[in-house]
Structures are given as C-alpha cells and as structure tokens.
Amino acid sequence: DFGCEIGKELTCCVGHDCKIDSIKFQPGMIFTIGVIFCEGHYAHALWTNGWTRSTVDGGLAAQFKHTVLITDTGPEILTEMENV
C-alpha cells in the first residue's frame, strides 16, 4: 500500500499493482508506505461501503505503515520510533 491520505492529493496503489518505480520522488513529498500481514490468503473483497476490505477466506489481517518525507538529503521516516 503506498501513498494514502497524505497532503492535498490521494494517490493510492494497493498490492501487486503498485508501480512506484515510475514515480520521481522530490524533496517535500510526503507519503505512507506499509505492509499488510494476512493470516491466510492475501486476496481481499471490498465491502459495499466502498472503503472497508476483508480477506476472502475470513483470516485475520493487520496493517502497519510509516510516513516518509523526502528531503534534500534523502528520505526521513517521520513515524520511526526510537529506542524500541
């Protein structure tokens, strides 16, 4: 999952369709990048509310994200916890 809900624009690609190699990262860009861990199969279904997803096999899933800022000197992970 890449880029959801940061800044003025919402750009989101999920799963294997995410092609971030075509994005030119520039200083000032902020985005999220994360992973979803699934207990069973990774295939998911979109609920009728147009937002919620669940695994097709009913397995548990959890998501973890970091927010990243691109600076002049490289990426800075804004959500990184120190001394964990």
Protein backbone atom coordinates (compact mmCIF):
# COMPACT_ATOMS: atom_id res chain seq x y z
CA ASP A 1 0.00 0.00 0.00
CA PHE A 2 1.51 3.32 -0.96
CA GLY A 3 0.57 6.95 -0.58
CA CYS A 4 -2.83 7.04 1.12
CA GLU A 5 -4.28 10.18 2.71
CA ILE A 6 -1.26 12.47 2.86
CA GLY A 7 -1.32 16.06 1.58
CA LYS A 8 -3.74 17.59 -0.91
CA GLU A 9 -3.93 14.60 -3.23
CA LEU A 10 -4.84 11.00 -2.55
CA THR A 11 -2.79 8.58 -4.57
CA CYS A 12 -3.12 5.00 -3.54
CA CYS A 13 -1.96 1.80 -5.07
CA VAL A 14 -2.52 -1.47 -3.31
CA GLY A 15 -0.93 -4.87 -3.70
CA HIS A 16 0.86 -6.10 -6.78
CA ASP A 17 -0.49 -3.25 -8.96
CA CYS A 18 1.69 -0.69 -7.19
CA LYS A 19 4.37 0.56 -9.59
CA ILE A 20 6.34 3.10 -7.56
CA ASP A 21 9.33 2.82 -9.90
CA SER A 22 7.53 5.27 -12.22
CA ILE A 23 7.31 7.97 -9.52
CA LYS A 24 10.07 10.59 -9.36
CA PHE A 25 10.50 11.38 -5.67
CA GLN A 26 11.28 15.02 -4.95
CA PRO A 27 12.09 16.97 -1.77
CA GLY A 28 8.92 17.97 0.06
CA MET A 29 6.92 14.89 -0.94
CA ILE A 30 5.30 13.04 1.96
CA PHE A 31 3.75 9.60 1.61
CA THR A 32 2.88 6.50 3.55
CA ILE A 33 4.21 3.08 2.84
CA GLY A 34 3.07 -0.02 4.61
CA VAL A 35 2.51 -3.70 4.61
CA ILE A 36 -0.49 -5.87 5.38
CA PHE A 37 0.07 -9.18 7.11
CA CYS A 38 -2.59 -11.81 6.43
CA GLU A 39 -3.24 -14.95 8.43
CA GLY A 40 -4.36 -16.85 5.35
CA HIS A 41 -4.71 -15.84 1.71
CA TYR A 42 -3.99 -12.23 0.74
CA ALA A 43 -6.97 -11.94 -1.64
CA HIS A 44 -9.47 -9.40 -0.38
CA ALA A 45 -13.03 -8.25 -1.00
CA LEU A 46 -14.26 -4.65 -0.99
CA TRP A 47 -17.37 -4.05 1.13
CA THR A 48 -20.37 -2.13 -0.20
CA ASN A 49 -19.29 0.98 1.75
CA GLY A 50 -16.51 1.38 -0.84
CA TRP A 51 -13.75 1.56 1.78
CA THR A 52 -13.60 -1.48 4.05
CA ARG A 53 -11.84 -4.62 2.85
CA SER A 54 -11.64 -8.10 4.32
CA THR A 55 -9.77 -11.24 3.39
CA VAL A 56 -11.79 -13.60 1.21
CA ASP A 57 -11.02 -16.57 3.44
CA GLY A 58 -12.01 -14.77 6.67
CA GLY A 59 -8.45 -14.78 8.02
CA LEU A 60 -7.19 -12.05 10.30
CA ALA A 61 -5.16 -9.19 8.82
CA ALA A 62 -3.13 -6.33 10.27
CA GLN A 63 -1.58 -3.29 8.63
CA PHE A 64 1.48 -1.28 9.64
CA LYS A 65 2.53 1.98 7.98
CA HIS A 66 5.26 4.57 8.10
CA THR A 67 5.01 8.17 6.92
CA VAL A 68 8.05 9.21 4.87
CA LEU A 69 9.26 12.70 3.96
CA ILE A 70 11.62 13.17 1.03
CA THR A 71 14.25 15.77 1.96
CA ASP A 72 17.18 17.27 0.05
CA THR A 73 19.43 14.68 1.70
CA GLY A 74 17.15 11.67 1.27
CA PRO A 75 14.14 10.02 2.92
CA GLU A 76 13.22 10.69 6.54
CA ILE A 77 10.85 8.30 8.31
CA LEU A 78 8.56 10.60 10.31
CA THR A 79 6.87 7.81 12.27
CA GLU A 80 10.02 5.93 13.27
CA MET A 81 10.12 5.15 16.96
CA GLU A 82 13.48 5.48 18.68
CA ASN A 83 14.77 3.03 21.28
CA VAL A 84 12.13 0.39 20.65
